[in-house]
C-alpha atoms as a PDB file:
ATOM      1  CA  UNK A   1     -54.891 -15.214 -69.033  1.00  0.00           C
ATOM      2  CA  UNK A   2     -54.418 -15.613 -72.806  1.00  0.00           C
ATOM      3  CA  UNK A   3     -51.666 -13.410 -71.931  1.00  0.00           C
ATOM      4  CA  UNK A   4     -50.206 -14.958 -69.592  1.00  0.00           C
ATOM      5  CA  UNK A   5     -50.158 -18.645 -71.919  1.00  0.00           C
ATOM      6  CA  UNK A   6     -49.041 -16.679 -74.449  1.00  0.00           C
ATOM      7  CA  UNK A   7     -45.974 -15.701 -71.761  1.00  0.00           C
ATOM      8  CA  UNK A   8     -45.412 -19.273 -70.748  1.00  0.00           C
ATOM      9  CA  UNK A   9     -45.546 -20.707 -75.084  1.00  0.00           C
ATOM     10  CA  UNK A  10     -43.270 -17.574 -75.515  1.00  0.00           C
ATOM     11  CA  UNK A  11     -40.973 -19.571 -72.715  1.00  0.00           C
ATOM     12  CA  UNK A  12     -41.308 -22.746 -73.839  1.00  0.00           C
ATOM     13  CA  UNK A  13     -40.080 -22.257 -78.012  1.00  0.00           C
ATOM     14  CA  UNK A  14     -36.848 -19.895 -75.815  1.00  0.00           C
ATOM     15  CA  UNK A  15     -36.385 -22.835 -74.226  1.00  0.00           C
ATOM     16  CA  UNK A  16     -36.539 -25.574 -76.658  1.00  0.00           C
ATOM     17  CA  UNK A  17     -34.511 -23.095 -78.721  1.00  0.00           C
ATOM     18  CA  UNK A  18     -31.901 -23.542 -75.575  1.00  0.00           C
ATOM     19  CA  UNK A  19     -31.469 -26.639 -75.724  1.00  0.00           C
ATOM     20  CA  UNK A  20     -31.830 -26.778 -79.196  1.00  0.00           C
ATOM     21  CA  UNK A  21     -28.445 -24.461 -79.529  1.00  0.00           C
ATOM     22  CA  UNK A  22     -26.441 -26.509 -76.553  1.00  0.00           C
ATOM     23  CA  UNK A  23     -26.594 -29.705 -78.560  1.00  0.00           C
ATOM     24  CA  UNK A  24     -25.453 -28.666 -81.594  1.00  0.00           C
ATOM     25  CA  UNK A  25     -22.817 -26.904 -79.988  1.00  0.00           C
ATOM     26  CA  UNK A  26     -21.698 -30.708 -78.922  1.00  0.00           C
ATOM     27  CA  UNK A  27     -18.470 -32.649 -79.566  1.00  0.00           C
ATOM     28  CA  UNK A  28     -20.505 -35.798 -81.432  1.00  0.00           C
ATOM     29  CA  UNK A  29     -17.405 -37.997 -79.578  1.00  0.00           C
ATOM     30  CA  UNK A  30     -18.970 -41.649 -80.564  1.00  0.00           C
ATOM     31  CA  UNK A  31     -19.315 -40.628 -83.859  1.00  0.00           C
ATOM     32  CA  UNK A  32     -15.575 -39.468 -83.884  1.00  0.00           C
ATOM     33  CA  UNK A  33     -15.172 -42.792 -81.839  1.00  0.00           C
ATOM     34  CA  UNK A  34     -17.533 -44.651 -84.360  1.00  0.00           C
ATOM     35  CA  UNK A  35     -16.245 -43.707 -87.633  1.00  0.00           C
ATOM     36  CA  UNK A  36     -12.451 -44.830 -86.576  1.00  0.00           C
ATOM     37  CA  UNK A  37     -13.502 -48.130 -85.749  1.00  0.00           C
ATOM     38  CA  UNK A  38     -15.846 -48.333 -88.880  1.00  0.00           C
ATOM     39  CA  UNK A  39     -12.051 -47.974 -90.885  1.00  0.00           C
ATOM     40  CA  UNK A  40      -9.945 -50.170 -88.531  1.00  0.00           C
ATOM     41  CA  UNK A  41     -13.073 -52.795 -88.024  1.00  0.00           C
ATOM     42  CA  UNK A  42     -15.150 -53.058 -91.237  1.00  0.00           C
ATOM     43  CA  UNK A  43     -12.332 -55.127 -93.112  1.00  0.00           C
ATOM     44  CA  UNK A  44     -12.478 -57.971 -91.739  1.00  0.00           C
ATOM     45  CA  UNK A  45     -16.461 -58.220 -91.822  1.00  0.00           C
ATOM     46  CA  UNK A  46     -17.582 -55.426 -88.567  1.00  0.00           C
ATOM     47  CA  UNK A  47     -20.473 -53.204 -88.761  1.00  0.00           C
ATOM     48  CA  UNK A  48     -20.846 -50.174 -85.945  1.00  0.00           C
ATOM     49  CA  UNK A  49     -22.752 -48.188 -85.974  1.00  0.00           C
ATOM     50  CA  UNK A  50     -23.204 -44.838 -84.156  1.00  0.00           C
ATOM     51  CA  UNK A  51     -26.763 -43.845 -84.236  1.00  0.00           C
ATOM     52  CA  UNK A  52     -29.472 -46.461 -83.530  1.00  0.00           C
ATOM     53  CA  UNK A  53     -32.062 -45.431 -81.666  1.00  0.00           C
ATOM     54  CA  UNK A  54     -32.539 -47.747 -78.672  1.00  0.00           C
ATOM     55  CA  UNK A  55     -35.945 -47.034 -78.316  1.00  0.00           C
ATOM     56  CA  UNK A  56     -39.189 -46.805 -80.131  1.00  0.00           C
ATOM     57  CA  UNK A  57     -40.168 -43.602 -78.470  1.00  0.00           C
ATOM     58  CA  UNK A  58     -39.043 -40.158 -76.443  1.00  0.00           C
ATOM     59  CA  UNK A  59     -38.821 -41.230 -72.642  1.00  0.00           C
ATOM     60  CA  UNK A  60     -41.634 -39.135 -71.402  1.00  0.00           C
ATOM     61  CA  UNK A  61     -42.614 -38.595 -68.047  1.00  0.00           C
ATOM     62  CA  UNK A  62     -46.709 -37.904 -66.330  1.00  0.00           C
ATOM     63  CA  UNK A  63     -45.840 -34.370 -64.388  1.00  0.00           C
ATOM     64  CA  UNK A  64     -48.290 -31.429 -63.472  1.00  0.00           C
ATOM     65  CA  UNK A  65     -45.663 -28.323 -63.304  1.00  0.00           C
ATOM     66  CA  UNK A  66     -47.619 -25.521 -61.069  1.00  0.00           C
ATOM     67  CA  UNK A  67     -44.944 -22.698 -61.599  1.00  0.00           C
ATOM     68  CA  UNK A  68     -45.559 -19.159 -59.961  1.00  0.00           C
ATOM     69  CA  UNK A  69     -44.485 -15.547 -62.183  1.00  0.00           C
ATOM     70  CA  UNK A  70     -44.300 -13.657 -59.316  1.00  0.00           C
ATOM     71  CA  UNK A  71     -41.149 -14.219 -57.066  1.00  0.00           C
ATOM     72  CA  UNK A  72     -43.518 -14.496 -54.011  1.00  0.00           C
ATOM     73  CA  UNK A  73     -46.692 -16.692 -53.877  1.00  0.00           C
ATOM     74  CA  UNK A  74     -49.858 -13.935 -53.907  1.00  0.00           C
ATOM     75  CA  UNK A  75     -52.877 -14.113 -51.172  1.00  0.00           C
ATOM     76  CA  UNK A  76     -54.689 -14.450 -54.291  1.00  0.00           C
ATOM     77  CA  UNK A  77     -52.867 -16.986 -55.857  1.00  0.00           C
ATOM     78  CA  UNK A  78     -52.418 -18.939 -52.141  1.00  0.00           C
ATOM     79  CA  UNK A  79     -56.307 -20.157 -52.296  1.00  0.00           C
ATOM     80  CA  UNK A  80     -56.553 -21.364 -55.569  1.00  0.00           C
ATOM     81  CA  UNK A  81     -54.331 -24.438 -54.690  1.00  0.00           C
ATOM     82  CA  UNK A  82     -54.976 -26.676 -53.619  1.00  0.00           C
ATOM     83  CA  UNK A  83     -53.741 -27.600 -50.054  1.00  0.00           C
ATOM     84  CA  UNK A  84     -50.888 -29.605 -49.482  1.00  0.00           C
ATOM     85  CA  UNK A  85     -48.971 -27.762 -51.906  1.00  0.00           C
ATOM     86  CA  UNK A  86     -50.064 -24.009 -50.360  1.00  0.00           C
ATOM     87  CA  UNK A  87     -48.709 -24.646 -47.080  1.00  0.00           C
ATOM     88  CA  UNK A  88     -45.379 -26.545 -48.254  1.00  0.00           C
ATOM     89  CA  UNK A  89     -41.917 -23.542 -49.215  1.00  0.00           C
ATOM     90  CA  UNK A  90     -41.644 -24.083 -52.400  1.00  0.00           C
END
């Protein structure tokens, strides 16, 4: 059980790292456009902001994810799953 938990934590860390790498490789077009507009508009007293928080907290969702670590559900796994989930083809 402990080994499984460590494996899941490792997967989550890898996914977070991939997301961070992807985000760092993106061209921040809004920043480039914002810089150009700021140069154009600031002399006439117009403020341009490129990074403005639109929410006080990051969005969250209440979900429960059950994912098997095997290619197919095993008999032992199926016995532990609740009705409705056990009977799906997911």
